[in-house]
Full PDB file with SEQRES, HELIX, SHEET, SSBOND, CRYST1, ORIGX, SCALE, CONECT and MASTER records, all heavy atoms in Angstrom:
SEQRES   1 A   33  SER PHE PHE ARG ARG LEU GLN SER PHE PHE ALA ASP THR          
SEQRES   2 A   33  THR TYR GLU VAL ILE ARG GLU GLN GLU LEU HIS TYR GLU          
SEQRES   3 A   33  ASN VAL LEU PHE ILE VAL PHE                                  
HELIX    1 AA1 PHE A    2  PHE A   10  1                                   9    
HELIX    2 AA2 TYR A   15  GLU A   20  5                                   6    
HELIX    3 AA3 GLN A   21  VAL A   32  1                                  12    
CRYST1    1.000    1.000    1.000  90.00  90.00  90.00 P 1           1          
ORIGX1      1.000000  0.000000  0.000000        0.00000                         
ORIGX2      0.000000  1.000000  0.000000        0.00000                         
ORIGX3      0.000000  0.000000  1.000000        0.00000                         
SCALE1      1.000000  0.000000  0.000000        0.00000                         
SCALE2      0.000000  1.000000  0.000000        0.00000                         
SCALE3      0.000000  0.000000  1.000000        0.00000                         
ATOM      1  N   SER A   1    -115.658 -85.928 -48.802  1.00  0.00           N  
ATOM      2  CA  SER A   1    -116.682 -84.895 -49.015  1.00  0.00           C  
ATOM      3  C   SER A   1    -117.423 -85.140 -50.324  1.00  0.00           C  
ATOM      4  O   SER A   1    -118.642 -84.946 -50.418  1.00  0.00           O  
ATOM      5  CB  SER A   1    -116.040 -83.502 -49.045  1.00  0.00           C  
ATOM      6  OG  SER A   1    -115.489 -83.184 -47.793  1.00  0.00           O  
ATOM      7  N   PHE A   2    -116.681 -85.606 -51.332  1.00  0.00           N  
ATOM      8  CA  PHE A   2    -117.281 -85.897 -52.625  1.00  0.00           C  
ATOM      9  C   PHE A   2    -118.367 -86.961 -52.488  1.00  0.00           C  
ATOM     10  O   PHE A   2    -119.494 -86.793 -52.987  1.00  0.00           O  
ATOM     11  CB  PHE A   2    -116.200 -86.360 -53.603  1.00  0.00           C  
ATOM     12  CG  PHE A   2    -116.704 -86.720 -54.965  1.00  0.00           C  
ATOM     13  CD1 PHE A   2    -116.741 -85.782 -55.985  1.00  0.00           C  
ATOM     14  CD2 PHE A   2    -117.149 -88.004 -55.253  1.00  0.00           C  
ATOM     15  CE1 PHE A   2    -117.205 -86.114 -57.243  1.00  0.00           C  
ATOM     16  CE2 PHE A   2    -117.622 -88.348 -56.505  1.00  0.00           C  
ATOM     17  CZ  PHE A   2    -117.643 -87.394 -57.507  1.00  0.00           C  
ATOM     18  N   PHE A   3    -118.049 -88.053 -51.806  1.00  0.00           N  
ATOM     19  CA  PHE A   3    -119.025 -89.152 -51.697  1.00  0.00           C  
ATOM     20  C   PHE A   3    -120.164 -88.818 -50.737  1.00  0.00           C  
ATOM     21  O   PHE A   3    -121.296 -89.273 -50.935  1.00  0.00           O  
ATOM     22  CB  PHE A   3    -118.321 -90.448 -51.294  1.00  0.00           C  
ATOM     23  CG  PHE A   3    -117.592 -91.094 -52.441  1.00  0.00           C  
ATOM     24  CD1 PHE A   3    -116.211 -91.092 -52.491  1.00  0.00           C  
ATOM     25  CD2 PHE A   3    -118.291 -91.674 -53.485  1.00  0.00           C  
ATOM     26  CE1 PHE A   3    -115.534 -91.664 -53.550  1.00  0.00           C  
ATOM     27  CE2 PHE A   3    -117.629 -92.261 -54.557  1.00  0.00           C  
ATOM     28  CZ  PHE A   3    -116.237 -92.253 -54.588  1.00  0.00           C  
ATOM     29  N   ARG A   4    -119.896 -88.025 -49.717  1.00  0.00           N  
ATOM     30  CA  ARG A   4    -121.001 -87.597 -48.843  1.00  0.00           C  
ATOM     31  C   ARG A   4    -121.972 -86.704 -49.614  1.00  0.00           C  
ATOM     32  O   ARG A   4    -123.191 -86.804 -49.439  1.00  0.00           O  
ATOM     33  CB  ARG A   4    -120.445 -86.865 -47.609  1.00  0.00           C  
ATOM     34  CG  ARG A   4    -119.892 -87.798 -46.543  1.00  0.00           C  
ATOM     35  CD  ARG A   4    -119.702 -87.079 -45.222  1.00  0.00           C  
ATOM     36  NE  ARG A   4    -118.621 -86.078 -45.310  1.00  0.00           N  
ATOM     37  CZ  ARG A   4    -117.345 -86.338 -45.028  1.00  0.00           C  
ATOM     38  NH1 ARG A   4    -116.977 -87.555 -44.644  1.00  0.00           N  
ATOM     39  NH2 ARG A   4    -116.443 -85.377 -45.107  1.00  0.00           N  
ATOM     40  N   ARG A   5    -121.422 -85.852 -50.463  1.00  0.00           N  
ATOM     41  CA  ARG A   5    -122.286 -85.007 -51.292  1.00  0.00           C  
ATOM     42  C   ARG A   5    -123.091 -85.875 -52.266  1.00  0.00           C  
ATOM     43  O   ARG A   5    -124.275 -85.640 -52.515  1.00  0.00           O  
ATOM     44  CB  ARG A   5    -121.444 -83.989 -52.067  1.00  0.00           C  
ATOM     45  CG  ARG A   5    -122.281 -82.916 -52.765  1.00  0.00           C  
ATOM     46  CD  ARG A   5    -121.374 -81.874 -53.447  1.00  0.00           C  
ATOM     47  NE  ARG A   5    -120.367 -81.370 -52.547  1.00  0.00           N  
ATOM     48  CZ  ARG A   5    -120.607 -80.476 -51.590  1.00  0.00           C  
ATOM     49  NH1 ARG A   5    -121.833 -79.998 -51.425  1.00  0.00           N  
ATOM     50  NH2 ARG A   5    -119.643 -80.074 -50.791  1.00  0.00           N  
ATOM     51  N   LEU A   6    -122.423 -86.884 -52.821  1.00  0.00           N  
ATOM     52  CA  LEU A   6    -123.105 -87.796 -53.735  1.00  0.00           C  
ATOM     53  C   LEU A   6    -124.214 -88.565 -53.021  1.00  0.00           C  
ATOM     54  O   LEU A   6    -125.294 -88.801 -53.588  1.00  0.00           O  
ATOM     55  CB  LEU A   6    -122.088 -88.762 -54.350  1.00  0.00           C  
ATOM     56  CG  LEU A   6    -122.527 -89.547 -55.593  1.00  0.00           C  
ATOM     57  CD1 LEU A   6    -123.005 -88.625 -56.695  1.00  0.00           C  
ATOM     58  CD2 LEU A   6    -121.376 -90.425 -56.094  1.00  0.00           C  
ATOM     59  N   GLN A   7    -123.964 -88.943 -51.764  1.00  0.00           N  
ATOM     60  CA  GLN A   7    -125.007 -89.601 -50.968  1.00  0.00           C  
ATOM     61  C   GLN A   7    -126.250 -88.726 -50.837  1.00  0.00           C  
ATOM     62  O   GLN A   7    -127.375 -89.212 -50.908  1.00  0.00           O  
ATOM     63  CB  GLN A   7    -124.469 -89.932 -49.570  1.00  0.00           C  
ATOM     64  CG  GLN A   7    -123.661 -91.210 -49.470  1.00  0.00           C  
ATOM     65  CD  GLN A   7    -123.200 -91.471 -48.051  1.00  0.00           C  
ATOM     66  OE1 GLN A   7    -122.807 -90.554 -47.321  1.00  0.00           O  
ATOM     67  NE2 GLN A   7    -123.237 -92.744 -47.634  1.00  0.00           N  
ATOM     68  N   SER A   8    -126.029 -87.425 -50.639  1.00  0.00           N  
ATOM     69  CA  SER A   8    -127.166 -86.511 -50.482  1.00  0.00           C  
ATOM     70  C   SER A   8    -128.011 -86.449 -51.751  1.00  0.00           C  
ATOM     71  O   SER A   8    -129.216 -86.185 -51.687  1.00  0.00           O  
ATOM     72  CB  SER A   8    -126.680 -85.105 -50.110  1.00  0.00           C  
ATOM     73  OG  SER A   8    -126.063 -84.460 -51.210  1.00  0.00           O  
ATOM     74  N   PHE A   9    -127.411 -86.722 -52.905  1.00  0.00           N  
ATOM     75  CA  PHE A   9    -128.161 -86.711 -54.160  1.00  0.00           C  
ATOM     76  C   PHE A   9    -129.140 -87.878 -54.241  1.00  0.00           C  
ATOM     77  O   PHE A   9    -130.146 -87.799 -54.942  1.00  0.00           O  
ATOM     78  CB  PHE A   9    -127.199 -86.772 -55.348  1.00  0.00           C  
ATOM     79  CG  PHE A   9    -126.625 -85.445 -55.737  1.00  0.00           C  
ATOM     80  CD1 PHE A   9    -126.494 -84.425 -54.811  1.00  0.00           C  
ATOM     81  CD2 PHE A   9    -126.222 -85.196 -57.036  1.00  0.00           C  
ATOM     82  CE1 PHE A   9    -125.972 -83.196 -55.164  1.00  0.00           C  
ATOM     83  CE2 PHE A   9    -125.701 -83.966 -57.397  1.00  0.00           C  
ATOM     84  CZ  PHE A   9    -125.573 -82.970 -56.455  1.00  0.00           C  
ATOM     85  N   PHE A  10    -128.815 -88.974 -53.542  1.00  0.00           N  
ATOM     86  CA  PHE A  10    -129.690 -90.153 -53.575  1.00  0.00           C  
ATOM     87  C   PHE A  10    -130.676 -90.175 -52.411  1.00  0.00           C  
ATOM     88  O   PHE A  10    -131.512 -91.072 -52.320  1.00  0.00           O  
ATOM     89  CB  PHE A  10    -128.851 -91.436 -53.536  1.00  0.00           C  
ATOM     90  CG  PHE A  10    -128.060 -91.681 -54.790  1.00  0.00           C  
ATOM     91  CD1 PHE A  10    -126.701 -91.411 -54.836  1.00  0.00           C  
ATOM     92  CD2 PHE A  10    -128.677 -92.165 -55.930  1.00  0.00           C  
ATOM     93  CE1 PHE A  10    -125.967 -91.621 -55.974  1.00  0.00           C  
ATOM     94  CE2 PHE A  10    -127.949 -92.389 -57.083  1.00  0.00           C  
ATOM     95  CZ  PHE A  10    -126.588 -92.120 -57.110  1.00  0.00           C  
ATOM     96  N   ALA A  11    -130.569 -89.225 -51.489  1.00  0.00           N  
ATOM     97  CA  ALA A  11    -131.478 -89.184 -50.339  1.00  0.00           C  
ATOM     98  C   ALA A  11    -132.909 -88.962 -50.813  1.00  0.00           C  
ATOM     99  O   ALA A  11    -133.165 -88.298 -51.815  1.00  0.00           O  
ATOM    100  CB  ALA A  11    -131.059 -88.065 -49.386  1.00  0.00           C  
ATOM    101  N   ASP A  12    -133.847 -89.545 -50.060  1.00  0.00           N  
ATOM    102  CA  ASP A  12    -135.279 -89.396 -50.357  1.00  0.00           C  
ATOM    103  C   ASP A  12    -135.647 -89.909 -51.739  1.00  0.00           C  
ATOM    104  O   ASP A  12    -136.487 -89.330 -52.435  1.00  0.00           O  
ATOM    105  CB  ASP A  12    -135.723 -87.925 -50.238  1.00  0.00           C  
ATOM    106  CG  ASP A  12    -135.475 -87.373 -48.840  1.00  0.00           C  
ATOM    107  OD1 ASP A  12    -135.670 -88.135 -47.877  1.00  0.00           O  
ATOM    108  OD2 ASP A  12    -135.089 -86.199 -48.731  1.00  0.00           O  
ATOM    109  N   THR A  13    -135.002 -91.001 -52.153  1.00  0.00           N  
ATOM    110  CA  THR A  13    -135.378 -91.620 -53.418  1.00  0.00           C  
ATOM    111  C   THR A  13    -136.830 -92.072 -53.345  1.00  0.00           C  
ATOM    112  O   THR A  13    -137.228 -92.780 -52.422  1.00  0.00           O  
ATOM    113  CB  THR A  13    -134.483 -92.836 -53.724  1.00  0.00           C  
ATOM    114  OG1 THR A  13    -133.120 -92.395 -53.778  1.00  0.00           O  
ATOM    115  CG2 THR A  13    -134.862 -93.470 -55.045  1.00  0.00           C  
ATOM    116  N   THR A  14    -137.630 -91.647 -54.300  1.00  0.00           N  
ATOM    117  CA  THR A  14    -139.064 -91.952 -54.254  1.00  0.00           C  
ATOM    118  C   THR A  14    -139.324 -93.413 -54.573  1.00  0.00           C  
ATOM    119  O   THR A  14    -138.545 -94.067 -55.268  1.00  0.00           O  
ATOM    120  CB  THR A  14    -139.830 -91.069 -55.252  1.00  0.00           C  
ATOM    121  OG1 THR A  14    -139.325 -91.324 -56.569  1.00  0.00           O  
ATOM    122  CG2 THR A  14    -139.642 -89.598 -54.926  1.00  0.00           C  
ATOM    123  N   TYR A  15    -140.448 -93.915 -54.082  1.00  0.00           N  
ATOM    124  CA  TYR A  15    -140.795 -95.314 -54.313  1.00  0.00           C  
ATOM    125  C   TYR A  15    -141.051 -95.619 -55.783  1.00  0.00           C  
ATOM    126  O   TYR A  15    -140.920 -96.754 -56.223  1.00  0.00           O  
ATOM    127  CB  TYR A  15    -142.026 -95.699 -53.482  1.00  0.00           C  
ATOM    128  CG  TYR A  15    -141.689 -95.938 -52.032  1.00  0.00           C  
ATOM    129  CD1 TYR A  15    -141.915 -94.958 -51.066  1.00  0.00           C  
ATOM    130  CD2 TYR A  15    -141.114 -97.134 -51.634  1.00  0.00           C  
ATOM    131  CE1 TYR A  15    -141.584 -95.160 -49.740  1.00  0.00           C  
ATOM    132  CE2 TYR A  15    -140.786 -97.361 -50.300  1.00  0.00           C  
ATOM    133  CZ  TYR A  15    -141.027 -96.370 -49.364  1.00  0.00           C  
ATOM    134  OH  TYR A  15    -140.695 -96.581 -48.047  1.00  0.00           O  
ATOM    135  N   GLU A  16    -141.409 -94.590 -56.553  1.00  0.00           N  
ATOM    136  CA  GLU A  16    -141.708 -94.840 -57.963  1.00  0.00           C  
ATOM    137  C   GLU A  16    -140.480 -95.249 -58.758  1.00  0.00           C  
ATOM    138  O   GLU A  16    -140.595 -95.833 -59.839  1.00  0.00           O  
ATOM    139  CB  GLU A  16    -142.334 -93.591 -58.600  1.00  0.00           C  
ATOM    140  CG  GLU A  16    -141.400 -92.395 -58.656  1.00  0.00           C  
ATOM    141  CD  GLU A  16    -142.093 -91.146 -59.140  1.00  0.00           C  
ATOM    142  OE1 GLU A  16    -143.132 -90.779 -58.571  1.00  0.00           O  
ATOM    143  OE2 GLU A  16    -141.589 -90.539 -60.098  1.00  0.00           O  
ATOM    144  N   VAL A  17    -139.249 -94.946 -58.234  1.00  0.00           N  
ATOM    145  CA  VAL A  17    -138.040 -95.334 -58.966  1.00  0.00           C  
ATOM    146  C   VAL A  17    -137.444 -96.639 -58.439  1.00  0.00           C  
ATOM    147  O   VAL A  17    -136.465 -97.129 -59.006  1.00  0.00           O  
ATOM    148  CB  VAL A  17    -136.967 -94.223 -58.912  1.00  0.00           C  
ATOM    149  CG1 VAL A  17    -137.498 -92.929 -59.454  1.00  0.00           C  
ATOM    150  CG2 VAL A  17    -136.420 -94.049 -57.507  1.00  0.00           C  
ATOM    151  N   ILE A  18    -138.025 -97.202 -57.395  1.00  0.00           N  
ATOM    152  CA  ILE A  18    -137.450 -98.419 -56.820  1.00  0.00           C  
ATOM    153  C   ILE A  18    -137.460 -99.563 -57.825  1.00  0.00           C  
ATOM    154  O   ILE A  18    -136.529-100.359 -57.906  1.00  0.00           O  
ATOM    155  CB  ILE A  18    -138.201 -98.814 -55.523  1.00  0.00           C  
ATOM    156  CG1 ILE A  18    -137.946 -97.755 -54.438  1.00  0.00           C  
ATOM    157  CG2 ILE A  18    -137.759-100.185 -55.032  1.00  0.00           C  
ATOM    158  CD1 ILE A  18    -138.698 -97.997 -53.154  1.00  0.00           C  
ATOM    159  N   ARG A  19    -138.530 -99.634 -58.631  1.00  0.00           N  
ATOM    160  CA  ARG A  19    -138.611-100.704 -59.623  1.00  0.00           C  
ATOM    161  C   ARG A  19    -137.488-100.595 -60.658  1.00  0.00           C  
ATOM    162  O   ARG A  19    -137.064-101.579 -61.231  1.00  0.00           O  
ATOM    163  CB  ARG A  19    -139.977-100.661 -60.333  1.00  0.00           C  
ATOM    164  CG  ARG A  19    -141.134-101.080 -59.428  1.00  0.00           C  
ATOM    165  CD  ARG A  19    -142.458-101.033 -60.167  1.00  0.00           C  
ATOM    166  NE  ARG A  19    -142.845 -99.681 -60.532  1.00  0.00           N  
ATOM    167  CZ  ARG A  19    -142.849 -99.196 -61.764  1.00  0.00           C  
ATOM    168  NH1 ARG A  19    -142.458 -99.956 -62.750  1.00  0.00           N  
ATOM    169  NH2 ARG A  19    -143.226 -97.956 -62.003  1.00  0.00           N  
ATOM    170  N   GLU A  20    -137.034 -99.381 -60.903  1.00  0.00           N  
ATOM    171  CA  GLU A  20    -135.938 -99.148 -61.842  1.00  0.00           C  
ATOM    172  C   GLU A  20    -134.718 -98.623 -61.081  1.00  0.00           C  
ATOM    173  O   GLU A  20    -134.034 -97.696 -61.507  1.00  0.00           O  
ATOM    174  CB  GLU A  20    -136.369 -98.136 -62.906  1.00  0.00           C  
ATOM    175  CG  GLU A  20    -137.544 -98.561 -63.746  1.00  0.00           C  
ATOM    176  CD  GLU A  20    -137.178 -99.644 -64.754  1.00  0.00           C  
ATOM    177  OE1 GLU A  20    -135.974 -99.818 -65.026  1.00  0.00           O  
ATOM    178  OE2 GLU A  20    -138.092-100.309 -65.263  1.00  0.00           O  
ATOM    179  N   GLN A  21    -134.435 -99.264 -59.940  1.00  0.00           N  
ATOM    180  CA  GLN A  21    -133.426 -98.736 -59.029  1.00  0.00           C  
ATOM    181  C   GLN A  21    -132.043 -98.673 -59.667  1.00  0.00           C  
ATOM    182  O   GLN A  21    -131.340 -97.668 -59.550  1.00  0.00           O  
ATOM    183  CB  GLN A  21    -133.380 -99.595 -57.766  1.00  0.00           C  
ATOM    184  CG  GLN A  21    -132.594 -98.967 -56.619  1.00  0.00           C  
ATOM    185  CD  GLN A  21    -132.921 -99.653 -55.303  1.00  0.00           C  
ATOM    186  OE1 GLN A  21    -134.028 -99.551 -54.796  1.00  0.00           O  
ATOM    187  NE2 GLN A  21    -131.958-100.380 -54.773  1.00  0.00           N  
ATOM    188  N   GLU A  22    -131.658 -99.739 -60.352  1.00  0.00           N  
ATOM    189  CA  GLU A  22    -130.337 -99.768 -60.969  1.00  0.00           C  
ATOM    190  C   GLU A  22    -130.207 -98.666 -62.021  1.00  0.00           C  
ATOM    191  O   GLU A  22    -129.184 -97.974 -62.081  1.00  0.00           O  
ATOM    192  CB  GLU A  22    -130.086-101.132 -61.611  1.00  0.00           C  
ATOM    193  CG  GLU A  22    -128.689-101.264 -62.218  1.00  0.00           C  
ATOM    194  CD  GLU A  22    -128.421-102.665 -62.742  1.00  0.00           C  
ATOM    195  OE1 GLU A  22    -128.812-103.636 -62.062  1.00  0.00           O  
ATOM    196  OE2 GLU A  22    -127.816-102.771 -63.824  1.00  0.00           O  
ATOM    197  N   LEU A  23    -131.237 -98.482 -62.839  1.00  0.00           N  
ATOM    198  CA  LEU A  23    -131.213 -97.434 -63.857  1.00  0.00           C  
ATOM    199  C   LEU A  23    -131.151 -96.050 -63.210  1.00  0.00           C  
ATOM    200  O   LEU A  23    -130.460 -95.155 -63.707  1.00  0.00           O  
ATOM    201  CB  LEU A  23    -132.445 -97.541 -64.756  1.00  0.00           C  
ATOM    202  CG  LEU A  23    -132.569 -96.484 -65.853  1.00  0.00           C  
ATOM    203  CD1 LEU A  23    -131.395 -96.581 -66.818  1.00  0.00           C  
ATOM    204  CD2 LEU A  23    -133.892 -96.629 -66.595  1.00  0.00           C  
ATOM    205  N   HIS A  24    -131.844 -95.888 -62.078  1.00  0.00           N  
ATOM    206  CA  HIS A  24    -131.828 -94.610 -61.373  1.00  0.00           C  
ATOM    207  C   HIS A  24    -130.413 -94.282 -60.892  1.00  0.00           C  
ATOM    208  O   HIS A  24    -129.933 -93.156 -61.066  1.00  0.00           O  
ATOM    209  CB  HIS A  24    -132.787 -94.655 -60.190  1.00  0.00           C  
ATOM    210  CG  HIS A  24    -132.751 -93.412 -59.344  1.00  0.00           C  
ATOM    211  ND1 HIS A  24    -133.140 -92.182 -59.825  1.00  0.00           N  
ATOM    212  CD2 HIS A  24    -132.343 -93.200 -58.059  1.00  0.00           C  
ATOM    213  CE1 HIS A  24    -132.989 -91.271 -58.875  1.00  0.00           C  
ATOM    214  NE2 HIS A  24    -132.509 -91.864 -57.797  1.00  0.00           N  
ATOM    215  N   TYR A  25    -129.728 -95.263 -60.291  1.00  0.00           N  
ATOM    216  CA  TYR A  25    -128.349 -95.054 -59.860  1.00  0.00           C  
ATOM    217  C   TYR A  25    -127.480 -94.643 -61.053  1.00  0.00           C  
ATOM    218  O   TYR A  25    -126.694 -93.696 -60.981  1.00  0.00           O  
ATOM    219  CB  TYR A  25    -127.766 -96.332 -59.261  1.00  0.00           C  
ATOM    220  CG  TYR A  25    -128.386 -96.783 -57.960  1.00  0.00           C  
ATOM    221  CD1 TYR A  25    -128.386 -98.132 -57.617  1.00  0.00           C  
ATOM    222  CD2 TYR A  25    -128.958 -95.878 -57.078  1.00  0.00           C  
ATOM    223  CE1 TYR A  25    -128.941 -98.565 -56.421  1.00  0.00           C  
ATOM    224  CE2 TYR A  25    -129.512 -96.306 -55.875  1.00  0.00           C  
ATOM    225  CZ  TYR A  25    -129.507 -97.651 -55.558  1.00  0.00           C  
ATOM    226  OH  TYR A  25    -130.061 -98.078 -54.383  1.00  0.00           O  
ATOM    227  N   GLU A  26    -127.612 -95.394 -62.133  1.00  0.00           N  
ATOM    228  CA  GLU A  26    -126.783 -95.146 -63.310  1.00  0.00           C  
ATOM    229  C   GLU A  26    -127.047 -93.755 -63.887  1.00  0.00           C  
ATOM    230  O   GLU A  26    -126.109 -93.058 -64.302  1.00  0.00           O  
ATOM    231  CB  GLU A  26    -127.048 -96.216 -64.373  1.00  0.00           C  
ATOM    232  CG  GLU A  26    -126.533 -97.600 -63.983  1.00  0.00           C  
ATOM    233  CD  GLU A  26    -126.891 -98.663 -65.013  1.00  0.00           C  
ATOM    234  OE1 GLU A  26    -127.634 -98.337 -65.969  1.00  0.00           O  
ATOM    235  OE2 GLU A  26    -126.442 -99.808 -64.863  1.00  0.00           O  
ATOM    236  N   ASN A  27    -128.306 -93.352 -63.934  1.00  0.00           N  
ATOM    237  CA  ASN A  27    -128.635 -92.043 -64.506  1.00  0.00           C  
ATOM    238  C   ASN A  27    -128.075 -90.899 -63.667  1.00  0.00           C  
ATOM    239  O   ASN A  27    -127.544 -89.924 -64.200  1.00  0.00           O  
ATOM    240  CB  ASN A  27    -130.157 -91.895 -64.656  1.00  0.00           C  
ATOM    241  CG  ASN A  27    -130.681 -92.595 -65.891  1.00  0.00           C  
ATOM    242  OD1 ASN A  27    -129.929 -92.903 -66.822  1.00  0.00           O  
ATOM    243  ND2 ASN A  27    -131.975 -92.861 -65.918  1.00  0.00           N  
ATOM    244  N   VAL A  28    -128.190 -91.006 -62.338  1.00  0.00           N  
ATOM    245  CA  VAL A  28    -127.663 -89.948 -61.465  1.00  0.00           C  
ATOM    246  C   VAL A  28    -126.146 -89.871 -61.588  1.00  0.00           C  
ATOM    247  O   VAL A  28    -125.571 -88.781 -61.715  1.00  0.00           O  
ATOM    248  CB  VAL A  28    -128.080 -90.169 -59.998  1.00  0.00           C  
ATOM    249  CG1 VAL A  28    -127.378 -89.155 -59.089  1.00  0.00           C  
ATOM    250  CG2 VAL A  28    -129.591 -90.050 -59.847  1.00  0.00           C  
ATOM    251  N   LEU A  29    -125.482 -91.024 -61.575  1.00  0.00           N  
ATOM    252  CA  LEU A  29    -124.024 -91.036 -61.717  1.00  0.00           C  
ATOM    253  C   LEU A  29    -123.595 -90.502 -63.078  1.00  0.00           C  
ATOM    254  O   LEU A  29    -122.605 -89.768 -63.194  1.00  0.00           O  
ATOM    255  CB  LEU A  29    -123.481 -92.450 -61.508  1.00  0.00           C  
ATOM    256  CG  LEU A  29    -123.566 -92.994 -60.078  1.00  0.00           C  
ATOM    257  CD1 LEU A  29    -123.100 -94.438 -60.037  1.00  0.00           C  
ATOM    258  CD2 LEU A  29    -122.738 -92.150 -59.114  1.00  0.00           C  
ATOM    259  N   PHE A  30    -124.356 -90.854 -64.115  1.00  0.00           N  
ATOM    260  CA  PHE A  30    -124.047 -90.345 -65.457  1.00  0.00           C  
ATOM    261  C   PHE A  30    -124.100 -88.822 -65.473  1.00  0.00           C  
ATOM    262  O   PHE A  30    -123.201 -88.157 -65.998  1.00  0.00           O  
ATOM    263  CB  PHE A  30    -125.031 -90.917 -66.482  1.00  0.00           C  
ATOM    264  CG  PHE A  30    -124.934 -90.253 -67.833  1.00  0.00           C  
ATOM    265  CD1 PHE A  30    -123.942 -90.607 -68.717  1.00  0.00           C  
ATOM    266  CD2 PHE A  30    -125.835 -89.263 -68.204  1.00  0.00           C  
ATOM    267  CE1 PHE A  30    -123.837 -89.987 -69.966  1.00  0.00           C  
ATOM    268  CE2 PHE A  30    -125.747 -88.632 -69.438  1.00  0.00           C  
ATOM    269  CZ  PHE A  30    -124.741 -89.004 -70.318  1.00  0.00           C  
ATOM    270  N   ILE A  31    -125.160 -88.248 -64.901  1.00  0.00           N  
ATOM    271  CA  ILE A  31    -125.317 -86.785 -64.887  1.00  0.00           C  
ATOM    272  C   ILE A  31    -124.165 -86.129 -64.124  1.00  0.00           C  
ATOM    273  O   ILE A  31    -123.537 -85.179 -64.608  1.00  0.00           O  
ATOM    274  CB  ILE A  31    -126.670 -86.391 -64.256  1.00  0.00           C  
ATOM    275  CG1 ILE A  31    -127.825 -86.866 -65.136  1.00  0.00           C  
ATOM    276  CG2 ILE A  31    -126.751 -84.886 -64.049  1.00  0.00           C  
ATOM    277  CD1 ILE A  31    -129.186 -86.756 -64.462  1.00  0.00           C  
ATOM    278  N   VAL A  32    -123.884 -86.633 -62.924  1.00  0.00           N  
ATOM    279  CA  VAL A  32    -122.842 -86.032 -62.079  1.00  0.00           C  
ATOM    280  C   VAL A  32    -121.487 -86.084 -62.774  1.00  0.00           C  
ATOM    281  O   VAL A  32    -120.782 -85.063 -62.875  1.00  0.00           O  
ATOM    282  CB  VAL A  32    -122.775 -86.735 -60.712  1.00  0.00           C  
ATOM    283  CG1 VAL A  32    -121.529 -86.288 -59.940  1.00  0.00           C  
ATOM    284  CG2 VAL A  32    -124.030 -86.448 -59.902  1.00  0.00           C  
ATOM    285  N   PHE A  33    -121.116 -87.254 -63.268  1.00  0.00           N  
ATOM    286  CA  PHE A  33    -119.781 -87.380 -63.842  1.00  0.00           C  
ATOM    287  C   PHE A  33    -119.694 -86.758 -65.236  1.00  0.00           C  
ATOM    288  O   PHE A  33    -118.624 -86.359 -65.668  1.00  0.00           O  
ATOM    289  CB  PHE A  33    -119.342 -88.838 -63.845  1.00  0.00           C  
ATOM    290  CG  PHE A  33    -118.983 -89.331 -62.475  1.00  0.00           C  
ATOM    291  CD1 PHE A  33    -119.794 -90.233 -61.800  1.00  0.00           C  
ATOM    292  CD2 PHE A  33    -117.854 -88.855 -61.831  1.00  0.00           C  
ATOM    293  CE1 PHE A  33    -119.484 -90.658 -60.524  1.00  0.00           C  
ATOM    294  CE2 PHE A  33    -117.528 -89.280 -60.549  1.00  0.00           C  
ATOM    295  CZ  PHE A  33    -118.339 -90.184 -59.895  1.00  0.00           C  
TER     296      PHE A  33                                                      
MASTER        0    0    0    3    0    0    0    6  295    1    0    3          
END                                                                             
């Protein structure tokens, strides 16, 4: 349930963050944890 909820946080990732995709992942994980 934890990881499914985490998946929902990354849903609909906008194209403007694709260029900084790795940083986007790291920032979301940083906030959550």
